[in-house]
Amino acid sequence: GGVGAPDTDDPFLVQSKILWDKGWGRELGVKTLDAYRKSLEKEGLPVKPERPPGLPDHLDRLVLWDRRPLLMKEGKGFQPPEVSLEALGGLFLFAQDPTVIGGEGGAWYVMDLPGSVLRGYPGLCAYLEVWGTAGPGLGWDWDDDAFPECGSASRWE
């Protein structure tokens, strides 16, 4: 960071500067604020955000979503346009097809839902588990163990 506060009300310039100051450019290997902003344009992210017509007045914030530094590195994550499934999507998926995470007899199965993270600790993602005969449960965790009976759920963007 370190290039000072922007002298503008332009949401793109303000928000891109904030993300730059928080290390987004560094994580992407970009050397300057200008290069970071150009990378946003190149990715097709909205650089001139506009309020959608009919948006209620209380929804008064336009937010720049640059998810690139938060995505898993190549070879570990989903391939676009596949993205991480959120907790709500996992619940609907399980409700309509409980076989997606197994759960026979006394066995346990877990489906990570990495599209939902805990606000105060974003290293924790949602998961849905079937633990023996106790039935399904939704929780938050992050573990470094990988088992064949566990997996991360995804959806089409």
N, C-alpha and C. Protein backbone atom coordinates (compact mmCIF):
# COMPACT_ATOMS: atom_id res chain seq x y z
N GLY A 1 0.81 -1.18 0.00
CA GLY A 1 0.00 0.00 0.00
C GLY A 1 0.86 1.24 0.00
N GLY A 2 0.47 2.17 0.83
CA GLY A 2 1.29 3.33 1.07
C GLY A 2 1.23 4.44 0.05
N VAL A 3 0.23 4.48 -0.81
CA VAL A 3 0.18 5.57 -1.78
C VAL A 3 -0.85 6.62 -1.39
N GLY A 4 -1.35 6.57 -0.18
CA GLY A 4 -2.28 7.59 0.30
C GLY A 4 -3.72 7.33 -0.07
N ALA A 5 -4.61 8.10 0.54
CA ALA A 5 -6.04 7.97 0.28
C ALA A 5 -6.39 8.57 -1.06
N PRO A 6 -7.34 7.98 -1.76
CA PRO A 6 -7.73 8.54 -3.06
C PRO A 6 -8.50 9.85 -2.88
N ASP A 7 -8.26 10.79 -3.79
CA ASP A 7 -8.97 12.08 -3.79
C ASP A 7 -10.13 12.01 -4.77
N THR A 8 -11.05 11.08 -4.53
CA THR A 8 -12.15 10.87 -5.46
C THR A 8 -13.32 10.21 -4.75
N ASP A 9 -14.49 10.32 -5.34
CA ASP A 9 -15.66 9.60 -4.86
C ASP A 9 -15.95 8.40 -5.75
N ASP A 10 -15.12 8.18 -6.77
CA ASP A 10 -15.31 7.06 -7.69
C ASP A 10 -15.18 5.74 -6.92
N PRO A 11 -16.27 4.95 -6.82
CA PRO A 11 -16.23 3.73 -6.01
C PRO A 11 -15.13 2.76 -6.45
N PHE A 12 -14.89 2.63 -7.74
CA PHE A 12 -13.84 1.72 -8.20
C PHE A 12 -12.47 2.16 -7.71
N LEU A 13 -12.16 3.43 -7.83
CA LEU A 13 -10.85 3.92 -7.39
C LEU A 13 -10.68 3.78 -5.88
N VAL A 14 -11.73 4.09 -5.13
CA VAL A 14 -11.66 3.98 -3.68
C VAL A 14 -11.52 2.52 -3.26
N GLN A 15 -12.39 1.64 -3.78
CA GLN A 15 -12.38 0.25 -3.35
C GLN A 15 -11.14 -0.50 -3.82
N SER A 16 -10.68 -0.23 -5.03
CA SER A 16 -9.48 -0.90 -5.51
C SER A 16 -8.27 -0.46 -4.67
N LYS A 17 -8.24 0.79 -4.23
CA LYS A 17 -7.16 1.27 -3.36
C LYS A 17 -7.21 0.57 -2.01
N ILE A 18 -8.38 0.39 -1.46
CA ILE A 18 -8.52 -0.30 -0.17
C ILE A 18 -8.02 -1.75 -0.29
N LEU A 19 -8.45 -2.46 -1.34
CA LEU A 19 -7.99 -3.83 -1.52
C LEU A 19 -6.48 -3.87 -1.74
N TRP A 20 -5.95 -2.91 -2.50
CA TRP A 20 -4.50 -2.83 -2.71
C TRP A 20 -3.78 -2.68 -1.37
N ASP A 21 -4.26 -1.78 -0.52
CA ASP A 21 -3.64 -1.54 0.78
C ASP A 21 -3.70 -2.78 1.68
N LYS A 22 -4.69 -3.62 1.47
CA LYS A 22 -4.83 -4.83 2.29
C LYS A 22 -4.07 -6.02 1.72
N GLY A 23 -3.33 -5.82 0.62
CA GLY A 23 -2.45 -6.86 0.11
C GLY A 23 -2.95 -7.65 -1.09
N TRP A 24 -4.08 -7.25 -1.66
CA TRP A 24 -4.60 -8.00 -2.81
C TRP A 24 -3.58 -8.04 -3.95
N GLY A 25 -2.98 -6.92 -4.26
CA GLY A 25 -2.00 -6.88 -5.36
C GLY A 25 -0.80 -7.75 -5.08
N ARG A 26 -0.30 -7.70 -3.85
CA ARG A 26 0.85 -8.51 -3.46
C ARG A 26 0.55 -9.99 -3.66
N GLU A 27 -0.64 -10.42 -3.24
CA GLU A 27 -1.02 -11.83 -3.38
C GLU A 27 -1.13 -12.26 -4.84
N LEU A 28 -1.41 -11.30 -5.71
CA LEU A 28 -1.53 -11.61 -7.14
C LEU A 28 -0.21 -11.40 -7.88
N GLY A 29 0.81 -10.95 -7.17
CA GLY A 29 2.11 -10.70 -7.80
C GLY A 29 2.16 -9.43 -8.61
N VAL A 30 1.27 -8.49 -8.33
CA VAL A 30 1.21 -7.21 -9.05
C VAL A 30 2.03 -6.19 -8.28
N LYS A 31 2.83 -5.38 -8.99
CA LYS A 31 3.80 -4.50 -8.33
C LYS A 31 3.29 -3.08 -8.03
N THR A 32 2.29 -2.59 -8.77
CA THR A 32 1.82 -1.22 -8.56
C THR A 32 0.30 -1.17 -8.48
N LEU A 33 -0.20 -0.13 -7.85
CA LEU A 33 -1.64 0.07 -7.76
C LEU A 33 -2.26 0.16 -9.15
N ASP A 34 -1.62 0.88 -10.04
CA ASP A 34 -2.13 1.02 -11.41
C ASP A 34 -2.20 -0.34 -12.11
N ALA A 35 -1.16 -1.16 -11.93
CA ALA A 35 -1.16 -2.49 -12.54
C ALA A 35 -2.26 -3.37 -11.93
N TYR A 36 -2.50 -3.21 -10.63
CA TYR A 36 -3.58 -3.96 -9.98
C TYR A 36 -4.92 -3.57 -10.60
N ARG A 37 -5.15 -2.26 -10.74
CA ARG A 37 -6.41 -1.80 -11.33
C ARG A 37 -6.57 -2.30 -12.76
N LYS A 38 -5.51 -2.31 -13.52
CA LYS A 38 -5.58 -2.82 -14.91
C LYS A 38 -5.88 -4.32 -14.91
N SER A 39 -5.35 -5.05 -13.91
CA SER A 39 -5.63 -6.49 -13.85
C SER A 39 -7.11 -6.74 -13.57
N LEU A 40 -7.74 -5.85 -12.80
CA LEU A 40 -9.18 -5.97 -12.55
C LEU A 40 -9.96 -5.81 -13.85
N GLU A 41 -9.58 -4.80 -14.62
CA GLU A 41 -10.25 -4.58 -15.92
C GLU A 41 -10.05 -5.78 -16.83
N LYS A 42 -8.82 -6.30 -16.86
CA LYS A 42 -8.50 -7.45 -17.72
C LYS A 42 -9.32 -8.67 -17.35
N GLU A 43 -9.59 -8.84 -16.05
CA GLU A 43 -10.40 -9.96 -15.57
C GLU A 43 -11.89 -9.77 -15.85
N GLY A 44 -12.27 -8.57 -16.29
CA GLY A 44 -13.68 -8.31 -16.59
C GLY A 44 -14.49 -7.91 -15.37
N LEU A 45 -13.82 -7.54 -14.28
CA LEU A 45 -14.55 -7.09 -13.09
C LEU A 45 -15.09 -5.69 -13.33
N PRO A 46 -16.24 -5.36 -12.77
CA PRO A 46 -16.85 -4.04 -13.04
C PRO A 46 -16.01 -2.90 -12.47
N VAL A 47 -15.51 -2.05 -13.35
CA VAL A 47 -14.69 -0.91 -12.92
C VAL A 47 -15.51 0.37 -12.83
N LYS A 48 -16.73 0.33 -13.32
CA LYS A 48 -17.66 1.45 -13.20
C LYS A 48 -18.96 0.93 -12.62
N PRO A 49 -18.95 0.60 -11.31
CA PRO A 49 -20.16 0.02 -10.71
C PRO A 49 -21.31 1.02 -10.73
N GLU A 50 -22.49 0.48 -10.98
CA GLU A 50 -23.71 1.31 -10.99
C GLU A 50 -24.75 0.63 -10.12
N ARG A 51 -25.58 1.45 -9.49
CA ARG A 51 -26.70 0.90 -8.72
C ARG A 51 -27.71 0.26 -9.68
N PRO A 52 -28.08 -0.97 -9.43
CA PRO A 52 -29.11 -1.58 -10.27
C PRO A 52 -30.43 -0.82 -10.12
N PRO A 53 -31.19 -0.71 -11.19
CA PRO A 53 -32.49 -0.03 -11.11
C PRO A 53 -33.40 -0.73 -10.12
N GLY A 54 -34.12 0.07 -9.33
CA GLY A 54 -35.07 -0.46 -8.37
C GLY A 54 -34.47 -0.95 -7.08
N LEU A 55 -33.17 -0.77 -6.89
CA LEU A 55 -32.52 -1.20 -5.65
C LEU A 55 -33.00 -0.33 -4.49
N PRO A 56 -33.46 -0.94 -3.38
CA PRO A 56 -33.93 -0.14 -2.24
C PRO A 56 -32.83 0.77 -1.70
N ASP A 57 -33.22 1.93 -1.17
CA ASP A 57 -32.26 2.92 -0.67
C ASP A 57 -31.36 2.38 0.44
N HIS A 58 -31.87 1.46 1.28
CA HIS A 58 -31.05 0.97 2.38
C HIS A 58 -29.90 0.07 1.91
N LEU A 59 -29.97 -0.41 0.69
CA LEU A 59 -28.85 -1.16 0.11
C LEU A 59 -27.98 -0.16 -0.67
N ASP A 60 -27.18 0.59 0.08
CA ASP A 60 -26.50 1.74 -0.50
C ASP A 60 -25.00 1.54 -0.73
N ARG A 61 -24.53 0.30 -0.71
CA ARG A 61 -23.11 0.07 -0.89
C ARG A 61 -22.85 -0.72 -2.16
N LEU A 62 -21.91 -0.24 -2.95
CA LEU A 62 -21.40 -0.99 -4.09
C LEU A 62 -20.05 -1.55 -3.66
N VAL A 63 -19.84 -2.84 -3.82
CA VAL A 63 -18.65 -3.49 -3.32
C VAL A 63 -17.90 -4.16 -4.46
N LEU A 64 -16.60 -3.92 -4.53
CA LEU A 64 -15.74 -4.55 -5.52
C LEU A 64 -15.40 -5.96 -5.05
N TRP A 65 -15.75 -6.95 -5.84
CA TRP A 65 -15.50 -8.35 -5.51
C TRP A 65 -14.31 -8.85 -6.31
N ASP A 66 -13.13 -8.85 -5.72
CA ASP A 66 -11.96 -9.45 -6.35
C ASP A 66 -11.61 -10.69 -5.56
N ARG A 67 -12.15 -11.83 -5.98
CA ARG A 67 -11.98 -13.08 -5.26
C ARG A 67 -10.67 -13.78 -5.60
N ARG A 68 -9.94 -13.26 -6.57
CA ARG A 68 -8.77 -13.99 -7.07
C ARG A 68 -7.78 -14.42 -5.99
N PRO A 69 -7.38 -13.57 -5.03
CA PRO A 69 -6.42 -14.04 -4.02
C PRO A 69 -7.01 -15.06 -3.05
N LEU A 70 -8.32 -15.16 -2.99
CA LEU A 70 -8.96 -16.07 -2.05
C LEU A 70 -9.19 -17.46 -2.63
N LEU A 71 -9.04 -17.58 -3.94
CA LEU A 71 -9.27 -18.86 -4.60
C LEU A 71 -8.07 -19.76 -4.42
N MET A 72 -8.32 -21.05 -4.43
CA MET A 72 -7.22 -22.01 -4.33
C MET A 72 -6.31 -21.89 -5.54
N LYS A 73 -5.05 -22.18 -5.34
CA LYS A 73 -4.09 -22.14 -6.43
C LYS A 73 -4.38 -23.28 -7.40
N GLU A 74 -3.89 -23.12 -8.64
CA GLU A 74 -4.15 -24.11 -9.68
C GLU A 74 -3.68 -25.49 -9.28
N GLY A 75 -4.41 -26.54 -9.66
CA GLY A 75 -4.07 -27.90 -9.35
C GLY A 75 -4.76 -28.37 -8.06
N LYS A 76 -5.22 -27.40 -7.11
CA LYS A 76 -5.89 -27.77 -5.88
C LYS A 76 -7.36 -27.47 -5.93
N GLY A 77 -7.81 -26.41 -6.66
CA GLY A 77 -9.17 -25.88 -6.64
C GLY A 77 -10.02 -26.32 -7.80
N PHE A 78 -11.23 -25.67 -7.94
CA PHE A 78 -12.17 -25.95 -9.01
C PHE A 78 -11.75 -25.20 -10.26
N GLN A 79 -12.14 -25.72 -11.39
CA GLN A 79 -11.81 -25.09 -12.66
C GLN A 79 -12.99 -24.26 -13.13
N PRO A 80 -12.75 -22.96 -13.47
CA PRO A 80 -13.86 -22.09 -13.90
C PRO A 80 -14.61 -22.72 -15.07
N PRO A 81 -15.91 -22.58 -15.07
CA PRO A 81 -16.77 -21.76 -14.23
C PRO A 81 -17.29 -22.49 -12.99
N GLU A 82 -16.62 -23.56 -12.54
CA GLU A 82 -17.00 -24.26 -11.32
C GLU A 82 -16.53 -23.45 -10.12
N VAL A 83 -17.39 -23.25 -9.12
CA VAL A 83 -17.06 -22.49 -7.92
C VAL A 83 -17.50 -23.28 -6.68
N SER A 84 -17.01 -22.86 -5.53
CA SER A 84 -17.33 -23.51 -4.26
C SER A 84 -18.81 -23.38 -3.93
N LEU A 85 -19.38 -24.45 -3.43
CA LEU A 85 -20.79 -24.43 -3.02
C LEU A 85 -20.92 -23.78 -1.65
N GLU A 86 -21.97 -22.97 -1.48
CA GLU A 86 -22.25 -22.29 -0.21
C GLU A 86 -23.06 -23.22 0.69
N ALA A 87 -23.16 -22.84 1.98
CA ALA A 87 -23.88 -23.65 2.96
C ALA A 87 -25.34 -23.89 2.55
N LEU A 88 -26.01 -22.84 2.12
CA LEU A 88 -27.42 -22.99 1.75
C LEU A 88 -27.57 -23.96 0.58
N GLY A 89 -26.68 -23.87 -0.40
CA GLY A 89 -26.72 -24.80 -1.53
C GLY A 89 -26.47 -26.23 -1.08
N GLY A 90 -25.56 -26.41 -0.11
CA GLY A 90 -25.30 -27.75 0.42
C GLY A 90 -26.51 -28.34 1.12
N LEU A 91 -27.23 -27.48 1.86
CA LEU A 91 -28.45 -27.96 2.54
C LEU A 91 -29.51 -28.38 1.54
N PHE A 92 -29.72 -27.57 0.49
CA PHE A 92 -30.70 -27.93 -0.53
C PHE A 92 -30.28 -29.19 -1.28
N LEU A 93 -28.99 -29.31 -1.59
CA LEU A 93 -28.49 -30.48 -2.29
C LEU A 93 -28.74 -31.75 -1.46
N PHE A 94 -28.38 -31.68 -0.18
CA PHE A 94 -28.58 -32.83 0.70
C PHE A 94 -30.06 -33.16 0.90
N ALA A 95 -30.89 -32.13 1.05
CA ALA A 95 -32.32 -32.35 1.24
C ALA A 95 -32.93 -33.07 0.05
N GLN A 96 -32.44 -32.78 -1.15
CA GLN A 96 -33.01 -33.37 -2.35
C GLN A 96 -32.34 -34.69 -2.74
N ASP A 97 -31.09 -34.89 -2.27
CA ASP A 97 -30.39 -36.13 -2.57
C ASP A 97 -29.40 -36.45 -1.46
N PRO A 98 -29.86 -37.10 -0.38
CA PRO A 98 -28.99 -37.38 0.76
C PRO A 98 -27.83 -38.31 0.43
N THR A 99 -27.86 -38.98 -0.72
CA THR A 99 -26.77 -39.88 -1.07
C THR A 99 -25.50 -39.13 -1.47
N VAL A 100 -25.58 -37.79 -1.63
CA VAL A 100 -24.38 -37.05 -2.06
C VAL A 100 -23.25 -37.12 -1.04
N ILE A 101 -23.57 -37.38 0.23
CA ILE A 101 -22.49 -37.54 1.21
C ILE A 101 -22.59 -38.86 1.97
N GLY A 102 -23.35 -39.80 1.47
CA GLY A 102 -23.38 -41.13 2.07
C GLY A 102 -24.05 -41.14 3.43
N GLY A 103 -23.54 -41.96 4.32
CA GLY A 103 -24.07 -42.02 5.68
C GLY A 103 -24.82 -43.30 5.96
N GLU A 104 -24.20 -44.45 5.73
CA GLU A 104 -24.85 -45.74 5.99
C GLU A 104 -24.43 -46.29 7.34
N GLY A 105 -25.37 -46.84 8.08
CA GLY A 105 -25.06 -47.49 9.35
C GLY A 105 -24.40 -46.53 10.33
N GLY A 106 -23.25 -46.93 10.92
CA GLY A 106 -22.56 -46.10 11.89
C GLY A 106 -21.46 -45.25 11.28
N ALA A 107 -21.37 -45.21 9.95
CA ALA A 107 -20.30 -44.46 9.29
C ALA A 107 -20.54 -42.96 9.37
N TRP A 108 -19.49 -42.18 9.11
CA TRP A 108 -19.61 -40.73 9.09
C TRP A 108 -19.06 -40.20 7.77
N TYR A 109 -19.67 -39.15 7.31
CA TYR A 109 -19.29 -38.54 6.05
C TYR A 109 -19.38 -37.02 6.20
N VAL A 110 -18.50 -36.31 5.52
CA VAL A 110 -18.47 -34.86 5.61
C VAL A 110 -18.36 -34.28 4.21
N MET A 111 -19.11 -33.21 3.96
CA MET A 111 -19.02 -32.46 2.69
C MET A 111 -18.67 -31.02 3.05
N ASP A 112 -17.44 -30.58 2.68
CA ASP A 112 -17.07 -29.19 2.89
C ASP A 112 -17.86 -28.30 1.95
N LEU A 113 -18.23 -27.13 2.46
CA LEU A 113 -18.97 -26.14 1.68
C LEU A 113 -18.15 -24.85 1.67
N PRO A 114 -17.04 -24.84 0.92
CA PRO A 114 -16.07 -23.74 1.01
C PRO A 114 -16.56 -22.40 0.47
N GLY A 115 -17.76 -22.36 -0.09
CA GLY A 115 -18.31 -21.09 -0.55
C GLY A 115 -18.84 -20.24 0.60
N SER A 116 -18.94 -20.81 1.80
CA SER A 116 -19.37 -20.08 2.99
C SER A 116 -18.26 -20.16 4.03
N VAL A 117 -17.75 -18.99 4.43
CA VAL A 117 -16.71 -18.94 5.45
C VAL A 117 -17.22 -18.14 6.64
N LEU A 118 -16.62 -18.35 7.79
CA LEU A 118 -17.01 -17.67 9.01
C LEU A 118 -16.45 -16.24 8.99
N ARG A 119 -17.32 -15.25 9.19
CA ARG A 119 -16.93 -13.85 9.07
C ARG A 119 -15.74 -13.49 9.95
N GLY A 120 -15.75 -13.87 11.21
CA GLY A 120 -14.68 -13.50 12.13
C GLY A 120 -13.40 -14.30 11.95
N TYR A 121 -13.48 -15.43 11.23
CA TYR A 121 -12.32 -16.28 11.04
C TYR A 121 -12.46 -16.99 9.69
N PRO A 122 -12.08 -16.31 8.60
CA PRO A 122 -12.36 -16.83 7.26
C PRO A 122 -11.62 -18.11 6.91
N GLY A 123 -10.75 -18.59 7.79
CA GLY A 123 -10.13 -19.88 7.56
C GLY A 123 -11.07 -21.05 7.84
N LEU A 124 -12.23 -20.75 8.43
CA LEU A 124 -13.21 -21.79 8.72
C LEU A 124 -14.30 -21.78 7.66
N CYS A 125 -14.55 -22.93 7.04
CA CYS A 125 -15.63 -22.99 6.07
C CYS A 125 -16.75 -23.86 6.62
N ALA A 126 -17.91 -23.71 6.04
CA ALA A 126 -19.07 -24.52 6.44
C ALA A 126 -18.86 -25.96 5.99
N TYR A 127 -19.46 -26.87 6.72
CA TYR A 127 -19.47 -28.27 6.29
C TYR A 127 -20.79 -28.90 6.72
N LEU A 128 -21.18 -29.91 5.99
CA LEU A 128 -22.37 -30.69 6.31
C LEU A 128 -21.90 -32.09 6.60
N GLU A 129 -22.33 -32.64 7.72
CA GLU A 129 -21.89 -33.98 8.08
C GLU A 129 -23.06 -34.89 8.39
N VAL A 130 -22.85 -36.16 8.14
CA VAL A 130 -23.75 -37.21 8.60
C VAL A 130 -22.88 -38.06 9.51
N TRP A 131 -23.20 -38.04 10.79
CA TRP A 131 -22.36 -38.68 11.79
C TRP A 131 -23.10 -39.85 12.39
N GLY A 132 -22.81 -41.03 11.92
CA GLY A 132 -23.45 -42.24 12.43
C GLY A 132 -24.96 -42.18 12.27
N THR A 133 -25.65 -42.47 13.33
CA THR A 133 -27.12 -42.47 13.28
C THR A 133 -27.70 -41.16 13.78
N ALA A 134 -26.85 -40.16 14.09
CA ALA A 134 -27.32 -38.88 14.63
C ALA A 134 -28.00 -38.00 13.59
N GLY A 135 -27.83 -38.31 12.32
CA GLY A 135 -28.43 -37.49 11.28
C GLY A 135 -27.51 -36.37 10.84
N PRO A 136 -27.98 -35.52 9.93
CA PRO A 136 -27.12 -34.48 9.37
C PRO A 136 -26.93 -33.31 10.34
N GLY A 137 -25.81 -32.61 10.17
CA GLY A 137 -25.53 -31.42 10.96
C GLY A 137 -24.69 -30.45 10.15
N LEU A 138 -24.91 -29.17 10.35
CA LEU A 138 -24.15 -28.13 9.66
C LEU A 138 -23.23 -27.47 10.68
N GLY A 139 -21.98 -27.26 10.32
CA GLY A 139 -21.03 -26.64 11.24
C GLY A 139 -19.95 -25.87 10.51
N TRP A 140 -18.98 -25.36 11.27
CA TRP A 140 -17.85 -24.58 10.73
C TRP A 140 -16.56 -25.22 11.19
N ASP A 141 -15.64 -25.43 10.29
CA ASP A 141 -14.36 -26.01 10.67
C ASP A 141 -13.39 -25.90 9.51
N TRP A 142 -12.15 -26.15 9.81
CA TRP A 142 -11.13 -26.27 8.77
C TRP A 142 -10.15 -27.29 9.28
N ASP A 143 -9.89 -28.30 8.51
CA ASP A 143 -9.04 -29.38 8.97
C ASP A 143 -7.97 -29.63 7.92
N ASP A 144 -6.87 -30.19 8.35
CA ASP A 144 -5.80 -30.48 7.40
C ASP A 144 -5.78 -31.96 7.01
N ASP A 145 -6.78 -32.70 7.44
CA ASP A 145 -6.85 -34.11 7.10
C ASP A 145 -7.79 -34.32 5.92
N ALA A 146 -7.35 -35.15 4.99
CA ALA A 146 -8.19 -35.47 3.83
C ALA A 146 -8.49 -36.96 3.86
N PHE A 147 -9.73 -37.30 3.79
CA PHE A 147 -10.15 -38.69 3.78
C PHE A 147 -11.00 -38.94 2.54
N PRO A 148 -10.98 -40.17 2.01
CA PRO A 148 -11.76 -40.45 0.81
C PRO A 148 -13.26 -40.25 1.01
N GLU A 149 -13.74 -40.34 2.25
CA GLU A 149 -15.17 -40.18 2.50
C GLU A 149 -15.57 -38.72 2.64
N CYS A 150 -14.64 -37.79 2.51
CA CYS A 150 -14.93 -36.36 2.60
C CYS A 150 -14.64 -35.70 1.26
N GLY A 151 -15.21 -34.54 1.04
CA GLY A 151 -14.94 -33.81 -0.20
C GLY A 151 -15.50 -32.42 -0.12
N SER A 152 -15.11 -31.60 -1.08
CA SER A 152 -15.62 -30.22 -1.17
C SER A 152 -16.66 -30.15 -2.28
N ALA A 153 -17.77 -29.52 -1.98
CA ALA A 153 -18.86 -29.43 -2.93
C ALA A 153 -18.69 -28.19 -3.82
N SER A 154 -19.17 -28.30 -5.04
CA SER A 154 -19.06 -27.19 -5.98
C SER A 154 -20.36 -27.04 -6.76
N ARG A 155 -20.43 -25.93 -7.46
CA ARG A 155 -21.57 -25.65 -8.32
C ARG A 155 -21.05 -24.92 -9.56
N TRP A 156 -21.92 -24.78 -10.53
CA TRP A 156 -21.61 -24.05 -11.76
C TRP A 156 -21.88 -22.58 -11.50
N GLU A 157 -20.95 -21.71 -11.87
CA GLU A 157 -21.13 -20.27 -11.63
C GLU A 157 -22.20 -19.69 -12.51
